[in-house]
C-alpha atoms as a PDB file:
ATOM      1  CA  UNK A   1     -53.874  36.792-142.296  1.00  0.00           C
ATOM      2  CA  UNK A   2     -57.369  37.745-141.176  1.00  0.00           C
ATOM      3  CA  UNK A   3     -56.519  41.444-141.288  1.00  0.00           C
ATOM      4  CA  UNK A   4     -55.458  41.260-144.936  1.00  0.00           C
ATOM      5  CA  UNK A   5     -58.252  42.930-146.926  1.00  0.00           C
ATOM      6  CA  UNK A   6     -56.961  41.475-150.226  1.00  0.00           C
ATOM      7  CA  UNK A   7     -58.114  37.943-149.472  1.00  0.00           C
ATOM      8  CA  UNK A   8     -61.461  37.015-150.916  1.00  0.00           C
ATOM      9  CA  UNK A   9     -64.200  35.313-148.958  1.00  0.00           C
ATOM     10  CA  UNK A  10     -63.615  32.089-150.879  1.00  0.00           C
ATOM     11  CA  UNK A  11     -59.896  32.130-149.979  1.00  0.00           C
ATOM     12  CA  UNK A  12     -60.631  32.731-146.309  1.00  0.00           C
ATOM     13  CA  UNK A  13     -63.193  29.912-146.228  1.00  0.00           C
ATOM     14  CA  UNK A  14     -60.781  27.631-148.081  1.00  0.00           C
ATOM     15  CA  UNK A  15     -57.875  28.284-145.694  1.00  0.00           C
ATOM     16  CA  UNK A  16     -60.178  27.938-142.696  1.00  0.00           C
ATOM     17  CA  UNK A  17     -61.439  24.588-143.963  1.00  0.00           C
ATOM     18  CA  UNK A  18     -57.860  23.416-144.592  1.00  0.00           C
ATOM     19  CA  UNK A  19     -56.861  24.441-141.057  1.00  0.00           C
ATOM     20  CA  UNK A  20     -59.845  22.593-139.622  1.00  0.00           C
ATOM     21  CA  UNK A  21     -59.035  19.431-141.607  1.00  0.00           C
ATOM     22  CA  UNK A  22     -55.359  19.563-140.568  1.00  0.00           C
ATOM     23  CA  UNK A  23     -56.314  20.056-136.926  1.00  0.00           C
ATOM     24  CA  UNK A  24     -58.787  17.180-137.089  1.00  0.00           C
ATOM     25  CA  UNK A  25     -56.225  14.850-138.680  1.00  0.00           C
ATOM     26  CA  UNK A  26     -53.610  15.885-136.102  1.00  0.00           C
ATOM     27  CA  UNK A  27     -56.040  15.078-133.305  1.00  0.00           C
ATOM     28  CA  UNK A  28     -56.909  11.713-134.852  1.00  0.00           C
ATOM     29  CA  UNK A  29     -53.196  10.917-135.204  1.00  0.00           C
ATOM     30  CA  UNK A  30     -52.589  11.625-131.527  1.00  0.00           C
ATOM     31  CA  UNK A  31     -55.663   9.632-130.531  1.00  0.00           C
ATOM     32  CA  UNK A  32     -54.504   6.663-132.626  1.00  0.00           C
ATOM     33  CA  UNK A  33     -51.005   6.780-131.128  1.00  0.00           C
ATOM     34  CA  UNK A  34     -52.452   6.972-127.599  1.00  0.00           C
ATOM     35  CA  UNK A  35     -54.690   3.988-128.334  1.00  0.00           C
ATOM     36  CA  UNK A  36     -51.739   2.027-129.754  1.00  0.00           C
ATOM     37  CA  UNK A  37     -49.778   2.919-126.619  1.00  0.00           C
ATOM     38  CA  UNK A  38     -52.572   1.621-124.401  1.00  0.00           C
ATOM     39  CA  UNK A  39     -52.767  -1.548-126.488  1.00  0.00           C
ATOM     40  CA  UNK A  40     -48.998  -1.991-126.130  1.00  0.00           C
ATOM     41  CA  UNK A  41     -49.159  -1.604-122.333  1.00  0.00           C
ATOM     42  CA  UNK A  42     -51.997  -4.135-122.207  1.00  0.00           C
ATOM     43  CA  UNK A  43     -49.975  -6.514-124.373  1.00  0.00           C
ATOM     44  CA  UNK A  44     -46.987  -6.325-122.026  1.00  0.00           C
ATOM     45  CA  UNK A  45     -49.123  -7.292-119.053  1.00  0.00           C
ATOM     46  CA  UNK A  46     -50.705 -10.066-121.112  1.00  0.00           C
ATOM     47  CA  UNK A  47     -47.217 -11.404-121.899  1.00  0.00           C
ATOM     48  CA  UNK A  48     -46.217 -11.293-118.248  1.00  0.00           C
ATOM     49  CA  UNK A  49     -49.374 -12.813-116.758  1.00  0.00           C
ATOM     50  CA  UNK A  50     -50.092 -15.205-119.630  1.00  0.00           C
ATOM     51  CA  UNK A  51     -51.242 -18.140-117.490  1.00  0.00           C
ATOM     52  CA  UNK A  52     -53.354 -16.148-115.040  1.00  0.00           C
ATOM     53  CA  UNK A  53     -51.507 -17.420-111.973  1.00  0.00           C
ATOM     54  CA  UNK A  54     -50.463 -13.990-110.703  1.00  0.00           C
ATOM     55  CA  UNK A  55     -46.949 -13.437-109.434  1.00  0.00           C
ATOM     56  CA  UNK A  56     -46.314 -17.176-109.137  1.00  0.00           C
ATOM     57  CA  UNK A  57     -45.834 -17.732-112.884  1.00  0.00           C
ATOM     58  CA  UNK A  58     -43.500 -14.784-113.523  1.00  0.00           C
ATOM     59  CA  UNK A  59     -40.076 -15.645-114.895  1.00  0.00           C
ATOM     60  CA  UNK A  60     -36.884 -13.841-113.975  1.00  0.00           C
ATOM     61  CA  UNK A  61     -36.994 -11.975-117.279  1.00  0.00           C
ATOM     62  CA  UNK A  62     -40.460 -10.652-116.491  1.00  0.00           C
ATOM     63  CA  UNK A  63     -39.398  -9.517-113.002  1.00  0.00           C
ATOM     64  CA  UNK A  64     -36.425  -7.716-114.520  1.00  0.00           C
ATOM     65  CA  UNK A  65     -38.699  -6.079-117.095  1.00  0.00           C
ATOM     66  CA  UNK A  66     -41.127  -4.857-114.434  1.00  0.00           C
ATOM     67  CA  UNK A  67     -38.318  -3.408-112.298  1.00  0.00           C
ATOM     68  CA  UNK A  68     -36.694  -1.688-115.285  1.00  0.00           C
ATOM     69  CA  UNK A  69     -40.063  -0.396-116.500  1.00  0.00           C
ATOM     70  CA  UNK A  70     -40.808   0.954-113.029  1.00  0.00           C
ATOM     71  CA  UNK A  71     -37.444   2.727-112.841  1.00  0.00           C
ATOM     72  CA  UNK A  72     -37.846   4.183-116.352  1.00  0.00           C
ATOM     73  CA  UNK A  73     -41.360   5.354-115.481  1.00  0.00           C
ATOM     74  CA  UNK A  74     -39.967   7.060-112.375  1.00  0.00           C
ATOM     75  CA  UNK A  75     -37.310   8.678-114.607  1.00  0.00           C
ATOM     76  CA  UNK A  76     -40.056   9.831-116.974  1.00  0.00           C
ATOM     77  CA  UNK A  77     -42.059  11.410-114.127  1.00  0.00           C
ATOM     78  CA  UNK A  78     -38.948  13.048-112.679  1.00  0.00           C
ATOM     79  CA  UNK A  79     -38.014  14.622-116.030  1.00  0.00           C
ATOM     80  CA  UNK A  80     -41.604  15.686-116.657  1.00  0.00           C
ATOM     81  CA  UNK A  81     -41.634  17.507-113.330  1.00  0.00           C
ATOM     82  CA  UNK A  82     -38.176  18.991-113.957  1.00  0.00           C
ATOM     83  CA  UNK A  83     -38.991  20.353-117.426  1.00  0.00           C
ATOM     84  CA  UNK A  84     -42.440  21.610-116.440  1.00  0.00           C
ATOM     85  CA  UNK A  85     -44.570  19.172-118.420  1.00  0.00           C
ATOM     86  CA  UNK A  86     -48.114  18.850-117.180  1.00  0.00           C
ATOM     87  CA  UNK A  87     -49.759  15.534-116.350  1.00  0.00           C
ATOM     88  CA  UNK A  88     -51.532  15.113-119.689  1.00  0.00           C
ATOM     89  CA  UNK A  89     -48.571  16.238-121.765  1.00  0.00           C
ATOM     90  CA  UNK A  90     -46.279  13.840-119.906  1.00  0.00           C
ATOM     91  CA  UNK A  91     -48.758  10.967-120.190  1.00  0.00           C
ATOM     92  CA  UNK A  92     -49.249  11.759-123.855  1.00  0.00           C
ATOM     93  CA  UNK A  93     -45.531  11.619-124.498  1.00  0.00           C
ATOM     94  CA  UNK A  94     -45.293   8.313-122.607  1.00  0.00           C
ATOM     95  CA  UNK A  95     -48.177   6.697-124.511  1.00  0.00           C
ATOM     96  CA  UNK A  96     -47.125   8.176-127.858  1.00  0.00           C
ATOM     97  CA  UNK A  97     -43.666   6.626-127.557  1.00  0.00           C
ATOM     98  CA  UNK A  98     -45.239   3.227-126.825  1.00  0.00           C
ATOM     99  CA  UNK A  99     -47.670   3.655-129.727  1.00  0.00           C
ATOM    100  CA  UNK A 100     -44.962   4.625-132.209  1.00  0.00           C
ATOM    101  CA  UNK A 101     -42.827   1.620-131.337  1.00  0.00           C
ATOM    102  CA  UNK A 102     -45.852  -0.695-131.550  1.00  0.00           C
ATOM    103  CA  UNK A 103     -46.712   0.737-134.980  1.00  0.00           C
ATOM    104  CA  UNK A 104     -43.117   0.284-136.165  1.00  0.00           C
ATOM    105  CA  UNK A 105     -43.126  -3.271-134.827  1.00  0.00           C
ATOM    106  CA  UNK A 106     -46.376  -4.067-136.631  1.00  0.00           C
ATOM    107  CA  UNK A 107     -44.976  -2.656-139.882  1.00  0.00           C
ATOM    108  CA  UNK A 108     -41.816  -4.745-139.520  1.00  0.00           C
ATOM    109  CA  UNK A 109     -43.852  -7.866-138.749  1.00  0.00           C
ATOM    110  CA  UNK A 110     -46.140  -7.228-141.721  1.00  0.00           C
ATOM    111  CA  UNK A 111     -43.063  -6.842-143.910  1.00  0.00           C
ATOM    112  CA  UNK A 112     -41.429 -10.044-142.645  1.00  0.00           C
ATOM    113  CA  UNK A 113     -44.540 -12.246-142.778  1.00  0.00           C
ATOM    114  CA  UNK A 114     -45.139 -12.304-146.564  1.00  0.00           C
ATOM    115  CA  UNK A 115     -41.449 -12.849-147.270  1.00  0.00           C
ATOM    116  CA  UNK A 116     -41.349 -15.960-145.094  1.00  0.00           C
ATOM    117  CA  UNK A 117     -38.761 -14.608-142.637  1.00  0.00           C
ATOM    118  CA  UNK A 118     -41.116 -15.026-139.696  1.00  0.00           C
ATOM    119  CA  UNK A 119     -41.692 -18.697-140.628  1.00  0.00           C
ATOM    120  CA  UNK A 120     -37.938 -19.271-140.621  1.00  0.00           C
ATOM    121  CA  UNK A 121     -37.842 -17.972-137.038  1.00  0.00           C
ATOM    122  CA  UNK A 122     -40.636 -20.395-136.117  1.00  0.00           C
ATOM    123  CA  UNK A 123     -38.716 -23.355-137.499  1.00  0.00           C
ATOM    124  CA  UNK A 124     -35.688 -22.428-135.375  1.00  0.00           C
ATOM    125  CA  UNK A 125     -37.839 -22.282-132.211  1.00  0.00           C
ATOM    126  CA  UNK A 126     -36.720 -18.683-131.719  1.00  0.00           C
ATOM    127  CA  UNK A 127     -40.040 -16.987-132.312  1.00  0.00           C
ATOM    128  CA  UNK A 128     -41.515 -17.719-128.879  1.00  0.00           C
ATOM    129  CA  UNK A 129     -38.842 -16.511-126.482  1.00  0.00           C
ATOM    130  CA  UNK A 130     -37.092 -14.038-128.763  1.00  0.00           C
ATOM    131  CA  UNK A 131     -40.427 -12.400-129.546  1.00  0.00           C
ATOM    132  CA  UNK A 132     -41.091 -11.913-125.848  1.00  0.00           C
ATOM    133  CA  UNK A 133     -37.580 -10.596-125.254  1.00  0.00           C
ATOM    134  CA  UNK A 134     -37.852  -8.224-128.210  1.00  0.00           C
ATOM    135  CA  UNK A 135     -41.258  -7.003-127.033  1.00  0.00           C
ATOM    136  CA  UNK A 136     -39.869  -6.210-123.608  1.00  0.00           C
ATOM    137  CA  UNK A 137     -36.753  -4.614-125.090  1.00  0.00           C
ATOM    138  CA  UNK A 138     -38.824  -2.371-127.360  1.00  0.00           C
ATOM    139  CA  UNK A 139     -41.083  -1.424-124.457  1.00  0.00           C
ATOM    140  CA  UNK A 140     -38.060  -0.397-122.388  1.00  0.00           C
ATOM    141  CA  UNK A 141     -36.623   1.469-125.372  1.00  0.00           C
ATOM    142  CA  UNK A 142     -39.898   3.347-125.789  1.00  0.00           C
ATOM    143  CA  UNK A 143     -39.917   4.217-122.084  1.00  0.00           C
ATOM    144  CA  UNK A 144     -36.340   5.463-122.323  1.00  0.00           C
ATOM    145  CA  UNK A 145     -36.827   7.500-125.505  1.00  0.00           C
ATOM    146  CA  UNK A 146     -40.223   8.846-124.461  1.00  0.00           C
ATOM    147  CA  UNK A 147     -38.890  10.701-121.427  1.00  0.00           C
ATOM    148  CA  UNK A 148     -39.439  14.454-121.589  1.00  0.00           C
ATOM    149  CA  UNK A 149     -36.499  16.564-122.668  1.00  0.00           C
ATOM    150  CA  UNK A 150     -35.606  20.195-122.670  1.00  0.00           C
ATOM    151  CA  UNK A 151     -37.216  21.999-125.603  1.00  0.00           C
ATOM    152  CA  UNK A 152     -34.963  22.179-128.676  1.00  0.00           C
ATOM    153  CA  UNK A 153     -35.372  25.908-128.918  1.00  0.00           C
ATOM    154  CA  UNK A 154     -34.742  27.066-125.403  1.00  0.00           C
ATOM    155  CA  UNK A 155     -36.430  30.270-124.450  1.00  0.00           C
ATOM    156  CA  UNK A 156     -34.011  33.142-124.492  1.00  0.00           C
ATOM    157  CA  UNK A 157     -33.747  34.895-121.149  1.00  0.00           C
ATOM    158  CA  UNK A 158     -35.752  38.074-121.148  1.00  0.00           C
ATOM    159  CA  UNK A 159     -33.578  41.170-120.908  1.00  0.00           C
ATOM    160  CA  UNK A 160     -33.752  42.947-117.618  1.00  0.00           C
ATOM    161  CA  UNK A 161     -35.244  46.361-118.201  1.00  0.00           C
ATOM    162  CA  UNK A 162     -34.257  49.263-116.080  1.00  0.00           C
ATOM    163  CA  UNK A 163     -36.871  50.297-113.624  1.00  0.00           C
ATOM    164  CA  UNK A 164     -38.424  53.583-114.722  1.00  0.00           C
ATOM    165  CA  UNK A 165     -39.107  54.495-111.134  1.00  0.00           C
ATOM    166  CA  UNK A 166     -36.296  56.378-109.457  1.00  0.00           C
ATOM    167  CA  UNK A 167     -35.242  55.309-106.030  1.00  0.00           C
ATOM    168  CA  UNK A 168     -35.820  57.953-103.381  1.00  0.00           C
ATOM    169  CA  UNK A 169     -32.712  59.831-102.378  1.00  0.00           C
ATOM    170  CA  UNK A 170     -31.514  60.230 -98.829  1.00  0.00           C
ATOM    171  CA  UNK A 171     -30.438  63.841 -99.216  1.00  0.00           C
ATOM    172  CA  UNK A 172     -32.332  66.545 -97.371  1.00  0.00           C
ATOM    173  CA  UNK A 173     -32.986  68.472-100.593  1.00  0.00           C
ATOM    174  CA  UNK A 174     -34.877  66.302-103.124  1.00  0.00           C
ATOM    175  CA  UNK A 175     -33.576  68.203-106.168  1.00  0.00           C
ATOM    176  CA  UNK A 176     -29.901  67.745-105.372  1.00  0.00           C
ATOM    177  CA  UNK A 177     -27.999  64.611-106.195  1.00  0.00           C
ATOM    178  CA  UNK A 178     -26.234  62.835-103.377  1.00  0.00           C
ATOM    179  CA  UNK A 179     -22.469  63.010-103.727  1.00  0.00           C
ATOM    180  CA  UNK A 180     -20.453  60.011-102.621  1.00  0.00           C
END
């Protein structure tokens, strides 16, 4: 596009400004999702260690969550290494998955709250434990879905080109071909 002499200066400045704005918004989106992911991870540890008593106040559900989260994190690291993701790209995928699920959960909660559905859960005494179970389930789902995968468009294998260099012959006369 830069080599096209038909574009005016105004058009080039306009497209450059649009590219800059799109890049800035893309970066802010990734930063926000990373921050939401970090908030989600902090929230999980707050749910587990809610009374500040360390490992003594952990329920069986919380132990199961930690073991499953550890195994899914190992799976994530294994796939990241297998598919050639770098550290930051793998961490970004891990945090982005947590951030997306936290954002979806906040949207669902904001939708349920004005309609009174969340109050109905409170009256049934289901909001306390089911909320914790759902939080852990969504965290595990995010860990499972956030694992690196093979790219959708796999790179096509490069064709093997014939070597332009000829192999030296073993015949005494270099101009004659060797007969089998």
